[in-house]
Protein backbone atom coordinates (compact mmCIF):
# COMPACT_ATOMS: atom_id res chain seq x y z
CA MET A 1 87.05 92.43 97.13
CA SER A 2 90.56 93.91 97.10
CA HIS A 3 91.32 97.56 97.75
CA VAL A 4 94.50 99.53 97.20
CA LEU A 5 95.94 102.26 99.40
CA LEU A 6 97.95 104.69 97.28
CA VAL A 7 101.00 106.26 98.90
CA ARG A 8 102.88 109.19 97.41
CA LEU A 9 106.62 109.14 98.14
CA ALA A 10 108.24 112.39 97.01
CA ALA A 11 110.99 114.60 98.42
CA PRO A 12 114.04 116.59 97.32
CA LEU A 13 116.13 113.55 98.31
CA GLN A 14 115.34 109.92 99.06
CA SER A 15 117.53 106.85 99.41
CA TRP A 16 116.53 103.19 99.47
CA GLY A 17 119.55 101.17 100.55
CA VAL A 18 119.95 97.58 99.41
CA VAL A 19 123.46 96.43 100.41
CA SER A 20 124.59 99.56 102.25
CA ARG A 21 127.64 99.48 104.50
CA PHE A 22 129.16 102.34 106.46
CA SER A 23 131.68 103.44 103.83
CA GLN A 24 129.48 102.64 100.80
CA ARG A 25 125.78 103.47 101.07
CA ASP A 26 123.85 102.80 97.89
CA THR A 27 120.28 103.42 96.86
CA HIS A 28 117.86 101.29 94.90
CA THR A 29 116.18 102.84 91.87
CA ARG A 30 112.83 102.64 93.69
CA PRO A 31 111.38 102.17 97.19
CA THR A 32 111.63 98.63 98.54
CA LYS A 33 108.73 96.80 100.18
CA SER A 34 110.71 96.45 103.40
CA ALA A 35 111.26 100.22 103.59
CA VAL A 36 107.59 101.04 102.90
CA VAL A 37 106.36 98.50 105.46
CA GLY A 38 108.79 100.04 107.94
CA LEU A 39 107.42 103.50 107.08
CA CYS A 40 103.86 102.30 107.78
CA ALA A 41 104.91 100.60 111.02
CA ALA A 42 106.57 103.80 112.23
CA ALA A 43 103.49 105.85 111.34
CA LEU A 44 101.35 103.43 113.35
CA GLY A 45 103.69 103.85 116.31
CA ARG A 46 104.93 100.28 116.41
CA ASP A 47 108.18 99.34 118.07
CA ARG A 48 110.81 97.49 116.06
CA THR A 49 110.16 94.39 118.14
CA ASP A 50 106.39 94.44 117.46
CA PRO A 51 104.88 91.92 114.99
CA ILE A 52 104.43 93.12 111.40
CA ASP A 53 102.59 90.11 109.96
CA ASP A 54 99.55 92.15 108.92
CA LEU A 55 101.69 94.74 107.14
CA ALA A 56 103.90 92.11 105.50
CA GLU A 57 100.77 90.51 103.98
CA LEU A 58 100.08 93.64 101.90
CA VAL A 59 100.51 93.07 98.17
CA TYR A 60 103.07 95.63 97.04
CA GLY A 61 103.57 97.62 93.88
CA VAL A 62 105.47 100.79 92.98
CA ARG A 63 105.14 103.05 89.94
CA ALA A 64 108.07 105.28 89.04
CA ASP A 65 106.23 108.41 87.94
CA HIS A 66 109.43 110.47 88.21
CA PRO A 67 112.49 108.23 88.75
CA GLY A 68 114.70 111.12 89.83
CA THR A 69 118.41 111.67 89.30
CA PRO A 70 121.13 109.71 91.15
CA VAL A 71 123.26 112.00 93.32
CA ARG A 72 126.49 111.07 95.08
CA ASP A 73 127.47 112.65 98.39
CA TYR A 74 131.21 112.53 99.14
CA HIS A 75 131.11 112.51 102.94
CA THR A 76 133.94 112.83 105.49
CA VAL A 77 133.75 112.37 109.25
CA GLY A 78 136.29 113.54 111.79
CA ALA A 79 140.05 114.26 111.87
CA GLY A 80 139.72 117.87 113.01
CA ARG A 81 140.53 119.58 116.33
CA TYR A 82 138.48 120.56 119.34
CA PRO A 83 139.36 122.18 122.70
CA ILE A 84 140.04 119.83 125.60
CA ARG A 85 137.22 119.62 128.13
CA PRO A 86 137.51 118.55 131.79
CA ARG A 87 135.87 115.20 131.15
CA ASP A 88 138.30 114.49 128.31
CA ILE A 89 141.16 114.49 130.82
CA ILE A 90 139.28 112.76 133.62
CA THR A 91 138.16 109.81 131.48
CA ASP A 92 141.42 109.26 129.55
CA HIS A 93 144.83 109.64 131.22
CA ARG A 94 146.57 109.60 127.82
CA ARG A 95 144.94 112.86 126.87
CA ALA A 96 145.81 114.31 130.25
CA ALA A 97 149.48 113.45 129.71
CA ALA A 98 149.41 114.85 126.17
CA VAL A 99 148.30 118.32 127.28
CA ALA A 100 149.85 118.45 130.78
CA LYS A 101 152.94 120.47 129.84
CA SER A 102 151.08 123.02 127.71
CA MET A 103 148.47 123.51 130.42
CA GLU A 104 151.11 124.01 133.13
CA ALA A 105 152.82 126.71 131.08
CA ALA A 106 149.59 128.45 130.10
CA ASP A 107 148.31 131.68 131.56
CA GLY A 108 144.65 132.31 132.21
CA PRO A 109 141.85 129.75 131.87
CA GLY A 110 143.10 126.26 131.15
CA PHE A 111 140.13 124.54 129.62
CA GLY A 112 138.73 125.51 126.27
CA HIS A 113 142.08 126.82 124.96
CA HIS A 114 144.13 123.64 124.44
CA GLU A 115 143.79 121.32 121.49
CA LEU A 116 144.98 117.87 120.51
CA ALA A 117 145.75 117.53 116.82
CA GLY A 118 143.90 114.75 115.05
CA TRP A 119 141.76 113.80 118.04
CA TYR A 120 138.32 114.70 116.74
CA GLY A 121 136.47 111.91 114.93
CA ALA A 122 134.76 108.58 115.45
CA PRO A 123 136.75 106.46 117.93
CA LYS A 124 138.20 103.13 116.80
CA LYS A 125 139.33 99.98 118.62
CA ILE A 126 137.22 100.64 121.72
CA ALA A 127 138.37 98.75 124.82
CA ALA A 128 138.55 99.14 128.61
CA ASP A 129 141.58 101.17 129.68
CA PRO A 130 143.82 99.10 132.02
CA VAL A 131 144.42 102.09 134.31
CA SER A 132 140.96 103.66 134.71
CA GLY A 133 138.69 100.88 133.41
CA THR A 134 136.91 103.42 131.23
CA LEU A 135 136.08 102.51 127.63
CA VAL A 136 138.54 104.45 125.47
CA SER A 137 139.77 104.43 121.90
CA GLY A 138 142.77 102.28 121.13
CA GLU A 139 144.13 104.92 118.74
CA LEU A 140 145.16 108.27 120.16
CA SER A 141 144.98 109.94 116.73
CA ARG A 142 141.84 109.61 114.65
CA ARG A 143 141.92 109.61 110.88
CA ALA A 144 139.09 110.95 108.79
CA MET A 145 136.57 108.36 107.67
CA ILE A 146 135.35 108.77 104.10
CA THR A 147 131.94 107.53 103.00
CA GLU A 148 130.13 107.59 99.69
CA ARG A 149 126.36 108.02 99.91
CA TRP A 150 123.90 107.85 97.05
CA TYR A 151 120.48 109.51 96.80
CA LEU A 152 117.68 110.01 94.29
CA SER A 153 117.05 113.69 93.66
CA ASP A 154 113.57 115.06 92.81
CA ALA A 155 111.98 111.63 92.53
CA ALA A 156 108.28 110.86 92.99
CA PHE A 157 106.90 107.33 93.33
CA LEU A 158 103.37 106.03 93.62
CA VAL A 159 103.17 102.99 95.90
CA GLY A 160 100.17 100.66 95.95
CA LEU A 161 99.36 98.53 99.01
CA GLN A 162 96.66 95.96 98.23
CA HIS A 163 94.56 94.08 100.80
CA GLU A 164 91.04 92.76 101.22
CA ASP A 165 90.69 94.46 104.62
CA LYS A 166 89.77 98.04 103.74
CA GLY A 167 89.75 98.93 107.43
CA LEU A 168 93.45 98.09 107.74
CA LEU A 169 94.24 100.27 104.73
CA GLU A 170 92.22 103.15 106.21
CA GLN A 171 94.12 102.79 109.47
CA ILE A 172 97.48 102.93 107.65
CA GLY A 173 96.41 105.87 105.50
CA HIS A 174 95.30 107.87 108.54
CA ALA A 175 98.57 107.06 110.34
CA LEU A 176 100.67 108.24 107.40
CA GLU A 177 99.03 111.67 107.65
CA HIS A 178 99.09 111.64 111.48
CA PRO A 179 102.27 109.65 112.25
CA LYS A 180 103.16 108.63 115.80
CA GLN A 181 106.86 108.53 114.91
CA LEU A 182 109.04 110.55 112.57
CA LEU A 183 108.94 109.37 108.94
CA TRP A 184 111.69 109.46 106.35
CA LEU A 185 112.27 108.09 102.87
CA GLY A 186 115.03 105.59 103.45
CA ARG A 187 117.29 107.77 105.64
CA LYS A 188 116.70 110.20 108.48
CA SER A 189 118.05 113.02 106.31
CA CYS A 190 115.23 112.46 103.78
CA PRO A 191 111.88 113.56 105.22
CA PRO A 192 108.87 113.19 102.90
CA SER A 193 107.20 116.25 101.41
CA GLY A 194 103.51 116.95 101.03
CA THR A 195 100.73 114.37 101.08
CA LEU A 196 101.59 110.69 101.64
CA ALA A 197 98.21 108.96 101.79
CA ALA A 198 96.69 109.44 98.33
CA GLY A 199 93.39 107.61 98.75
CA ILE A 200 91.97 104.10 98.65
CA GLU A 201 90.64 102.60 95.42
CA PRO A 202 88.88 99.29 94.69
CA GLY A 203 90.69 96.75 92.52
CA THR A 204 94.22 95.43 92.17
CA VAL A 205 97.47 97.40 92.16
CA SER A 206 97.87 97.09 88.38
CA GLU A 207 94.29 98.22 87.74
CA VAL A 208 94.55 101.21 90.05
CA PHE A 209 97.93 102.27 88.63
CA ALA A 210 96.36 102.41 85.17
CA SER A 211 93.41 104.47 86.44
CA LYS A 212 95.45 107.29 88.03
CA ARG A 213 97.35 110.00 86.22
CA LEU A 214 101.02 110.55 86.86
CA LEU A 215 101.91 112.49 89.97
CA PRO A 216 102.74 116.15 89.33
CA SER A 217 106.29 116.57 88.09
CA PRO A 218 108.70 118.13 90.65
CA ASP A 219 110.22 120.24 87.86
CA GLY A 220 106.89 121.25 86.31
CA PHE A 221 107.48 119.48 82.98
CA ASP A 222 104.58 118.11 80.98
CA THR A 223 104.40 114.33 81.50
CA SER A 224 101.30 113.56 79.44
CA GLY A 225 101.63 110.48 77.29
CA ARG A 226 104.43 108.93 79.33
CA ARG A 227 104.26 105.23 80.20
CA PRO A 228 106.07 104.82 83.52
CA TRP A 229 107.68 101.61 84.72
CA ALA A 230 106.00 99.72 87.55
CA TRP A 231 107.10 96.79 89.69
CA LEU A 232 104.25 94.55 90.85
CA GLN A 233 104.36 91.80 93.46
CA ALA A 234 103.55 88.45 91.86
CA ALA A 235 103.08 84.82 92.82
CA PRO A 236 106.14 82.57 92.46
CA GLY A 237 106.37 80.94 89.06
CA ILE A 238 104.60 83.72 87.15
CA ARG A 239 106.24 84.20 83.76
CA GLY A 240 108.71 87.06 83.84
CA ALA A 241 108.74 87.32 87.64
CA ALA A 242 112.07 87.85 89.39
CA PRO A 243 113.00 87.20 93.03
CA VAL A 244 113.51 90.15 95.38
CA ASN A 245 114.85 89.78 98.90
CA ASP A 246 112.88 92.59 100.55
CA GLN A 247 109.93 90.77 102.13
CA PRO A 248 110.15 91.84 105.81
CA VAL A 249 109.71 89.17 108.48
CA THR A 250 110.78 91.13 111.56
CA PHE A 251 112.49 94.46 112.24
CA ASP A 252 113.73 93.34 115.65
CA PRO A 253 117.37 94.59 115.74
CA ALA A 254 118.47 91.35 117.41
CA ARG A 255 117.04 89.14 114.65
CA ARG A 256 116.16 91.32 111.68
CA THR A 257 115.02 89.03 108.87
CA HIS A 258 113.90 89.37 105.25
CA ALA A 259 112.47 86.72 102.96
CA THR A 260 112.20 86.43 99.19
CA ARG A 261 109.18 87.58 97.23
CA TRP A 262 108.55 87.80 93.47
CA GLU A 263 107.75 90.75 91.25
CA THR A 264 107.26 91.63 87.59
CA ARG A 265 108.30 94.79 85.78
CA THR A 266 105.92 96.37 83.30
CA ARG A 267 105.09 99.60 81.52
CA VAL A 268 101.84 101.20 82.70
CA THR A 269 99.50 102.62 80.09
CA ILE A 270 97.53 105.38 81.77
CA SER A 271 93.81 105.27 80.90
CA PRO A 272 92.45 108.23 78.92
CA ASN A 273 89.82 108.53 81.64
CA ALA A 274 92.35 108.46 84.46
CA THR A 275 91.51 110.62 87.45
CA ASP A 276 93.72 113.55 88.37
CA TRP A 277 95.31 114.39 91.71
CA ASP A 278 94.30 116.83 94.43
CA LEU A 279 97.34 116.57 96.67
CA ILE A 280 99.66 118.87 98.57
CA PRO A 281 102.98 118.61 96.65
């Protein structure tokens, strides 16, 4: 008999990257299976190189009780000033030459009062310096780097993890409430709020989604009568199923791999007898 672990994913901000790069970091409209499996693995205390076969076998579904609002963060890094420190001069002779004259003419303490314009920021073109052998930036001046980051604001999702081994689900649920590693919803700047593990129910993901009321609204609005969208993992070839490339194979940084799975999108009709929630929001 199958059981479903329900996981509540809610926070002021969350972000589920799909094709993120440094300068453009997007977010999916909902949590991905890869991200949720990674969340569970972190809660269990697993290293990125540890096997995740048992977690990858979980049948996945997500219900968008409160889809949230997309928010764009215009983000800049670097291109300011900072006082020269002793190690800045010791490790890079170019900086020493740039401030030598001003330091010789200065009165009082030398360090902490001299600045190099445009030096602060992420270094680029890193290579070994031919004089000192130290790794230094190939550009003396550093331009500001601009990134665009997207988030979902005030969203709340109900995730269903289905498996026949109830003991495994109980282990994951306990770990989510007593995590061995820090948890976040897509990015480190997005910690989850309130209760994560929302109970284990018998049945399939679709059956359990229909038997549970919507999660409380972050803004306090009445959500009775709403039919939220849900995305349910399906077998290949099922009518209406679409491929999704978020089936995790390994999180090992040296060989991180994802495979294709299939899912269907459907509206969920909440049962009139659906049970309510007793969770910490």
